[in-house]
N, C-alpha and C. Protein backbone atom coordinates (compact mmCIF):
# COMPACT_ATOMS: atom_id res chain seq x y z
N ARG A 1 1.02 -0.98 0.04
CA ARG A 1 0.04 -0.14 0.41
C ARG A 1 0.55 1.20 -0.01
N ASP A 2 0.81 2.56 -0.85
CA ASP A 2 1.38 3.34 -0.88
C ASP A 2 3.15 3.47 -1.16
N GLY A 3 3.86 2.12 -1.32
CA GLY A 3 4.96 1.68 -1.87
C GLY A 3 5.38 0.95 -0.34
N ARG A 4 4.57 1.29 0.55
CA ARG A 4 5.27 0.38 2.04
C ARG A 4 4.21 -1.02 1.84
N LYS A 5 5.62 -1.94 2.80
CA LYS A 5 5.14 -3.25 2.83
C LYS A 5 3.71 -3.21 3.59
N VAL A 6 2.93 -4.51 3.99
CA VAL A 6 1.82 -4.65 4.23
C VAL A 6 1.55 -5.80 4.33
N SER A 7 1.75 -6.22 5.92
CA SER A 7 1.91 -8.00 5.86
C SER A 7 0.54 -8.64 6.34
N ALA A 8 -0.39 -7.47 6.63
CA ALA A 8 -1.83 -7.70 7.37
C ALA A 8 -3.03 -6.53 6.88
N THR A 9 -3.88 -7.41 7.45
CA THR A 9 -5.26 -5.65 7.17
C THR A 9 -6.60 -6.66 8.19
N THR A 10 -7.16 -5.80 8.16
CA THR A 10 -8.01 -6.20 9.03
C THR A 10 -9.42 -5.57 7.63
N ILE A 11 -10.39 -6.66 8.09
CA ILE A 11 -11.70 -6.60 7.57
C ILE A 11 -13.01 -6.55 7.87
N ALA A 12 -13.66 -5.82 8.40
CA ALA A 12 -14.87 -5.76 9.71
C ALA A 12 -16.21 -5.86 8.69
N VAL A 13 -16.70 -6.69 9.28
CA VAL A 13 -18.14 -7.31 8.68
C VAL A 13 -19.37 -6.79 10.06
N ALA A 14 -20.20 -5.50 10.00
CA ALA A 14 -20.90 -5.47 10.87
C ALA A 14 -22.54 -6.01 10.26
N PHE A 15 -23.05 -6.98 11.09
CA PHE A 15 -24.81 -7.19 10.25
C PHE A 15 -25.50 -6.39 11.42
N PRO A 16 -26.67 -5.80 10.39
CA PRO A 16 -27.63 -5.04 11.68
C PRO A 16 -28.46 -5.84 12.66
N VAL A 17 -28.57 -5.73 13.57
CA VAL A 17 -29.24 -6.55 14.69
C VAL A 17 -29.88 -5.35 15.69
N GLY A 18 -31.41 -5.54 15.81
CA GLY A 18 -32.15 -4.55 16.51
C GLY A 18 -32.19 -5.37 17.58
N ARG A 19 -32.53 -4.41 18.66
CA ARG A 19 -32.12 -5.05 20.38
C ARG A 19 -34.06 -5.15 20.86
N PRO A 20 -34.31 -5.88 21.73
CA PRO A 20 -35.60 -4.92 22.40
C PRO A 20 -35.23 -4.45 23.27
N GLU A 21 -36.56 -3.35 24.04
CA GLU A 21 -36.49 -2.57 24.89
C GLU A 21 -35.64 -2.78 25.72
N VAL A 22 -35.82 -3.33 26.21
CA VAL A 22 -35.05 -3.80 27.78
C VAL A 22 -32.97 -4.11 27.37
N LEU A 23 -32.68 -3.35 27.29
CA LEU A 23 -31.07 -3.58 26.90
C LEU A 23 -30.00 -4.34 28.02
N GLY A 24 -29.45 -4.58 27.69
CA GLY A 24 -28.19 -5.45 29.01
C GLY A 24 -28.74 -7.13 28.92
N PRO A 25 -27.74 -8.21 29.64
CA PRO A 25 -28.33 -9.05 29.93
C PRO A 25 -29.81 -9.11 30.67
N SER A 26 -30.31 -10.56 30.18
CA SER A 26 -31.63 -10.61 30.92
C SER A 26 -31.10 -11.96 32.01
N ALA A 27 -31.92 -12.22 32.90
CA ALA A 27 -31.90 -13.25 33.39
C ALA A 27 -32.63 -14.47 33.36
N ALA A 28 -32.15 -15.44 33.18
CA ALA A 28 -32.59 -16.55 32.26
C ALA A 28 -33.08 -17.69 33.27
N LYS A 29 -33.83 -18.70 32.93
CA LYS A 29 -35.08 -19.70 33.95
C LYS A 29 -33.85 -19.62 35.12
N ASP A 30 -32.47 -20.12 34.69
CA ASP A 30 -31.46 -20.85 35.61
C ASP A 30 -31.26 -19.83 36.56
N GLY A 31 -31.34 -18.28 36.44
CA GLY A 31 -30.88 -17.35 37.64
C GLY A 31 -29.38 -17.52 36.65
N GLN A 32 -29.02 -17.69 35.72
CA GLN A 32 -27.58 -17.00 35.16
C GLN A 32 -27.96 -15.86 33.54
N GLU A 33 -26.68 -14.99 34.11
CA GLU A 33 -27.50 -14.02 32.83
C GLU A 33 -27.04 -14.73 31.62
N SER A 34 -28.31 -14.03 30.51
CA SER A 34 -27.78 -14.44 29.29
C SER A 34 -28.02 -13.20 28.12
N MET A 35 -27.65 -13.13 26.93
CA MET A 35 -27.73 -12.13 26.05
C MET A 35 -29.48 -12.05 25.84
N PRO A 36 -29.95 -11.21 25.62
CA PRO A 36 -31.14 -10.84 25.21
C PRO A 36 -31.12 -11.45 23.79
N ASP A 37 -32.54 -11.52 23.80
CA ASP A 37 -32.46 -11.88 22.50
C ASP A 37 -32.78 -10.73 21.31
N LEU A 38 -32.41 -11.26 20.14
CA LEU A 38 -31.89 -10.13 19.24
C LEU A 38 -33.15 -10.34 18.29
N GLU A 39 -33.10 -9.10 17.15
CA GLU A 39 -34.54 -9.08 16.63
C GLU A 39 -33.80 -8.58 14.98
N VAL A 40 -33.59 -9.54 14.02
CA VAL A 40 -33.13 -9.01 12.93
C VAL A 40 -34.73 -8.10 11.78
N PRO A 41 -33.66 -7.13 11.49
CA PRO A 41 -34.79 -6.32 11.03
C PRO A 41 -35.25 -6.91 9.62
N THR A 42 -36.67 -6.61 9.05
CA THR A 42 -36.98 -7.65 7.92
C THR A 42 -36.59 -7.10 6.65
N GLU A 43 -36.26 -5.73 6.52
CA GLU A 43 -35.64 -4.89 5.85
C GLU A 43 -34.32 -4.18 5.89
N PRO A 44 -33.34 -5.44 6.14
CA PRO A 44 -32.10 -4.53 6.37
C PRO A 44 -31.70 -3.06 5.88
N PRO A 45 -31.08 -2.32 6.27
CA PRO A 45 -30.83 -0.94 5.36
C PRO A 45 -29.36 -1.26 4.87
N ALA A 46 -29.26 -0.46 3.50
CA ALA A 46 -27.99 -0.47 2.73
C ALA A 46 -27.08 -0.09 3.29
N GLY A 47 -26.13 -1.64 3.43
CA GLY A 47 -24.71 -0.97 4.33
C GLY A 47 -23.71 0.19 4.03
N GLN A 48 -23.51 0.88 5.02
CA GLN A 48 -22.34 1.52 5.03
C GLN A 48 -20.57 1.53 4.80
N VAL A 49 -19.91 1.81 4.16
CA VAL A 49 -18.81 1.56 3.77
C VAL A 49 -17.83 2.56 4.41
N TYR A 50 -16.97 2.02 5.21
CA TYR A 50 -16.09 2.76 6.15
C TYR A 50 -14.71 2.60 5.91
N ALA A 51 -13.84 3.72 5.84
CA ALA A 51 -12.36 3.82 5.96
C ALA A 51 -12.06 3.99 7.18
N PHE A 52 -12.23 3.66 8.77
CA PHE A 52 -12.35 4.26 9.63
C PHE A 52 -13.57 5.44 9.99
N LEU A 53 -13.81 6.30 9.37
CA LEU A 53 -15.04 6.82 9.05
C LEU A 53 -16.04 6.47 7.92
N PRO A 54 -17.05 6.85 8.15
CA PRO A 54 -18.10 6.91 6.79
C PRO A 54 -17.36 7.51 5.38
N ILE A 55 -17.47 6.58 4.15
CA ILE A 55 -17.11 6.70 3.20
C ILE A 55 -18.52 7.29 2.26
N ASN A 56 -18.47 8.80 2.16
CA ASN A 56 -19.99 9.22 1.53
C ASN A 56 -20.16 8.62 0.33
N GLY A 57 -19.37 8.68 -0.62
CA GLY A 57 -20.14 7.90 -1.92
C GLY A 57 -19.79 6.40 -2.40
N ALA A 58 -19.55 5.33 -1.02
CA ALA A 58 -19.41 4.44 -1.07
C ALA A 58 -20.86 3.43 -0.46
N ILE A 59 -21.12 3.31 -1.34
CA ILE A 59 -22.92 2.52 -1.07
C ILE A 59 -22.39 0.99 -1.79
N PHE A 60 -22.50 -0.04 -1.43
CA PHE A 60 -22.53 -1.20 -2.26
C PHE A 60 -23.44 -1.54 -2.39
N GLY A 61 -24.87 -1.52 -1.44
CA GLY A 61 -25.71 -1.83 -1.32
C GLY A 61 -25.88 -3.56 -0.69
N LEU A 62 -24.49 -3.71 -0.23
CA LEU A 62 -24.60 -4.59 0.96
C LEU A 62 -25.72 -4.82 2.18
N PRO A 63 -26.23 -5.60 2.69
CA PRO A 63 -27.34 -5.79 3.53
C PRO A 63 -26.12 -5.86 5.12
N PHE A 64 -24.99 -5.11 4.94
CA PHE A 64 -24.19 -5.37 6.35
C PHE A 64 -23.08 -4.12 6.25
N GLU A 65 -23.04 -3.87 7.05
CA GLU A 65 -21.51 -2.52 7.49
C GLU A 65 -20.32 -3.24 6.93
N LEU A 66 -19.61 -2.70 6.17
CA LEU A 66 -18.26 -2.94 5.88
C LEU A 66 -17.33 -2.04 6.49
N GLN A 67 -15.99 -2.39 7.00
CA GLN A 67 -15.06 -1.32 7.37
C GLN A 67 -13.71 -2.08 7.12
N ALA A 68 -12.60 -1.68 6.05
CA ALA A 68 -11.29 -2.03 5.53
C ALA A 68 -10.92 -0.88 5.95
N ASP A 69 -9.33 -1.09 5.36
CA ASP A 69 -8.38 -0.20 5.00
C ASP A 69 -8.23 0.20 3.79
N TRP A 70 -9.42 1.10 2.94
CA TRP A 70 -9.48 1.37 1.73
C TRP A 70 -8.42 2.69 1.51
N LEU A 71 -8.44 2.45 0.35
CA LEU A 71 -7.40 4.15 0.19
C LEU A 71 -8.44 5.08 -0.70
N LEU A 72 -8.80 5.84 -0.53
CA LEU A 72 -9.51 6.53 -0.79
C LEU A 72 -9.29 7.89 -1.93
N THR A 73 -10.14 9.14 -2.24
CA THR A 73 -9.80 9.81 -3.22
C THR A 73 -9.45 10.89 -2.18
N ALA A 74 -9.07 12.04 -2.81
CA ALA A 74 -8.40 13.31 -1.69
C ALA A 74 -9.78 13.56 -1.01
N SER A 75 -10.53 13.74 -1.47
CA SER A 75 -11.56 14.20 -1.30
C SER A 75 -12.97 13.41 0.09
N ARG A 76 -12.16 12.17 0.25
CA ARG A 76 -12.69 10.96 0.98
C ARG A 76 -14.21 10.60 0.99
N GLU A 77 -14.69 11.01 -0.54
CA GLU A 77 -16.06 10.69 -0.78
C GLU A 77 -16.49 9.25 -1.69
N SER A 78 -14.97 8.56 -1.88
CA SER A 78 -15.17 7.69 -2.87
C SER A 78 -13.83 7.10 -2.71
N LEU A 79 -14.16 5.75 -2.79
CA LEU A 79 -12.69 4.88 -3.16
C LEU A 79 -11.76 4.72 -4.46
N GLN A 80 -10.38 5.07 -4.02
CA GLN A 80 -10.05 4.48 -5.67
C GLN A 80 -9.75 3.40 -6.69
N THR A 81 -10.72 3.48 -7.43
CA THR A 81 -10.91 2.49 -8.02
C THR A 81 -10.18 1.63 -8.47
N SER A 82 -8.88 2.40 -8.88
CA SER A 82 -8.16 1.69 -9.96
C SER A 82 -6.78 0.83 -8.32
N SER A 83 -7.18 1.56 -7.87
CA SER A 83 -6.29 0.83 -6.49
C SER A 83 -5.97 -0.51 -6.60
N SER A 84 -4.79 -1.20 -6.54
CA SER A 84 -4.61 -2.75 -6.23
C SER A 84 -4.69 -2.91 -5.15
N TRP A 85 -4.31 -2.40 -3.97
CA TRP A 85 -4.91 -2.35 -2.65
C TRP A 85 -6.20 -2.59 -2.23
N ASN A 86 -7.07 -1.71 -2.88
CA ASN A 86 -8.69 -1.80 -2.78
C ASN A 86 -8.97 -3.51 -3.81
N LEU A 87 -8.49 -3.30 -4.88
CA LEU A 87 -8.74 -4.36 -5.48
C LEU A 87 -8.45 -6.16 -4.63
N LEU A 88 -7.43 -5.80 -4.11
CA LEU A 88 -7.36 -7.00 -3.06
C LEU A 88 -8.18 -7.08 -1.91
N LEU A 89 -8.76 -6.14 -1.47
CA LEU A 89 -9.58 -5.68 -0.39
C LEU A 89 -10.87 -6.19 -0.77
N ARG A 90 -11.36 -6.24 -2.27
CA ARG A 90 -12.36 -6.25 -2.47
C ARG A 90 -12.44 -7.94 -2.65
N GLU A 91 -11.42 -8.39 -3.28
CA GLU A 91 -11.50 -10.15 -2.87
C GLU A 91 -11.36 -10.75 -2.05
N ALA A 92 -10.89 -10.45 -1.16
CA ALA A 92 -10.84 -11.17 0.12
C ALA A 92 -12.22 -10.55 1.09
N LEU A 93 -13.47 -9.99 0.13
CA LEU A 93 -14.80 -9.54 1.04
C LEU A 93 -15.63 -11.09 1.12
N PRO A 94 -15.01 -11.96 0.70
CA PRO A 94 -16.22 -13.08 0.45
C PRO A 94 -15.74 -14.01 1.79
N ASP A 95 -14.21 -14.27 1.65
CA ASP A 95 -13.96 -15.13 2.72
C ASP A 95 -13.91 -14.14 4.20
N ALA A 96 -14.11 -12.83 4.32
CA ALA A 96 -14.32 -11.86 5.28
C ALA A 96 -15.86 -12.10 5.39
N PHE A 97 -16.51 -12.10 4.61
CA PHE A 97 -18.13 -12.19 4.79
C PHE A 97 -18.43 -13.93 5.22
N ALA A 98 -17.75 -14.79 5.20
CA ALA A 98 -18.01 -16.42 5.23
C ALA A 98 -17.33 -16.33 7.03
N GLN A 99 -16.50 -15.53 7.53
CA GLN A 99 -16.02 -15.95 8.43
C GLN A 99 -16.61 -15.31 9.52
N ALA A 100 -17.61 -14.08 9.13
CA ALA A 100 -18.27 -13.06 10.15
C ALA A 100 -19.77 -14.36 10.31
N VAL A 101 -20.28 -14.52 9.10
CA VAL A 101 -21.69 -15.69 9.31
C VAL A 101 -20.79 -16.36 10.01
N GLY A 102 -20.18 -17.34 9.93
CA GLY A 102 -19.25 -18.15 10.84
C GLY A 102 -19.04 -18.01 12.39
N LEU A 103 -19.08 -16.94 12.54
CA LEU A 103 -18.98 -16.11 14.19
C LEU A 103 -20.32 -15.92 14.50
N ALA A 104 -21.42 -15.51 13.99
CA ALA A 104 -22.32 -15.06 14.09
C ALA A 104 -23.49 -16.59 14.68
N GLN A 105 -22.77 -17.44 13.64
CA GLN A 105 -23.78 -18.93 14.03
C GLN A 105 -23.25 -18.98 14.93
N ARG A 106 -22.02 -18.96 16.05
CA ARG A 106 -21.55 -19.55 17.25
C ARG A 106 -21.62 -18.48 18.12
N THR A 107 -22.53 -17.49 17.60
CA THR A 107 -22.60 -16.53 18.72
C THR A 107 -23.86 -16.75 19.54
N PRO A 108 -23.89 -16.92 20.72
CA PRO A 108 -25.50 -17.01 21.77
C PRO A 108 -25.98 -16.25 21.29
N GLY A 109 -27.76 -16.38 20.42
CA GLY A 109 -28.57 -15.36 20.39
C GLY A 109 -28.49 -15.34 19.07
N MET A 110 -27.54 -14.90 18.29
CA MET A 110 -27.10 -14.99 16.98
C MET A 110 -27.32 -16.15 15.94
N GLU A 111 -27.90 -17.46 16.48
CA GLU A 111 -27.26 -18.21 15.72
C GLU A 111 -28.03 -18.87 14.66
N MET A 112 -29.26 -17.99 14.37
CA MET A 112 -30.44 -18.47 13.61
C MET A 112 -30.65 -16.83 12.76
N THR A 113 -29.96 -16.25 12.87
CA THR A 113 -29.76 -14.70 12.39
C THR A 113 -29.35 -14.38 10.56
N TRP A 114 -27.98 -15.29 10.76
CA TRP A 114 -27.28 -15.52 9.57
C TRP A 114 -27.34 -16.56 9.02
């Protein structure tokens, strides 16, 4: 990236999940605290794309939020579409999504949401 050697970066995926009126852990029947029930919106909004801050012109139409170390135009309003770094990040998105879905399926209260 920019002539510097980069050995790793992080792509973060965030799924839209609604919370019930009561926030915080709820008491389970056995007296143990548990996560509150999560509600998944029926129509998830188009996800925002971030490079640590929202990128105004970068809406991919995906039903989840996406954070990566994108290279931006000088105005921060869009991605540098010809950047080889951004193309590498784009190629890594399916794997990042699959990993995020796997994590969501292993997280109590989110098993059936994705």
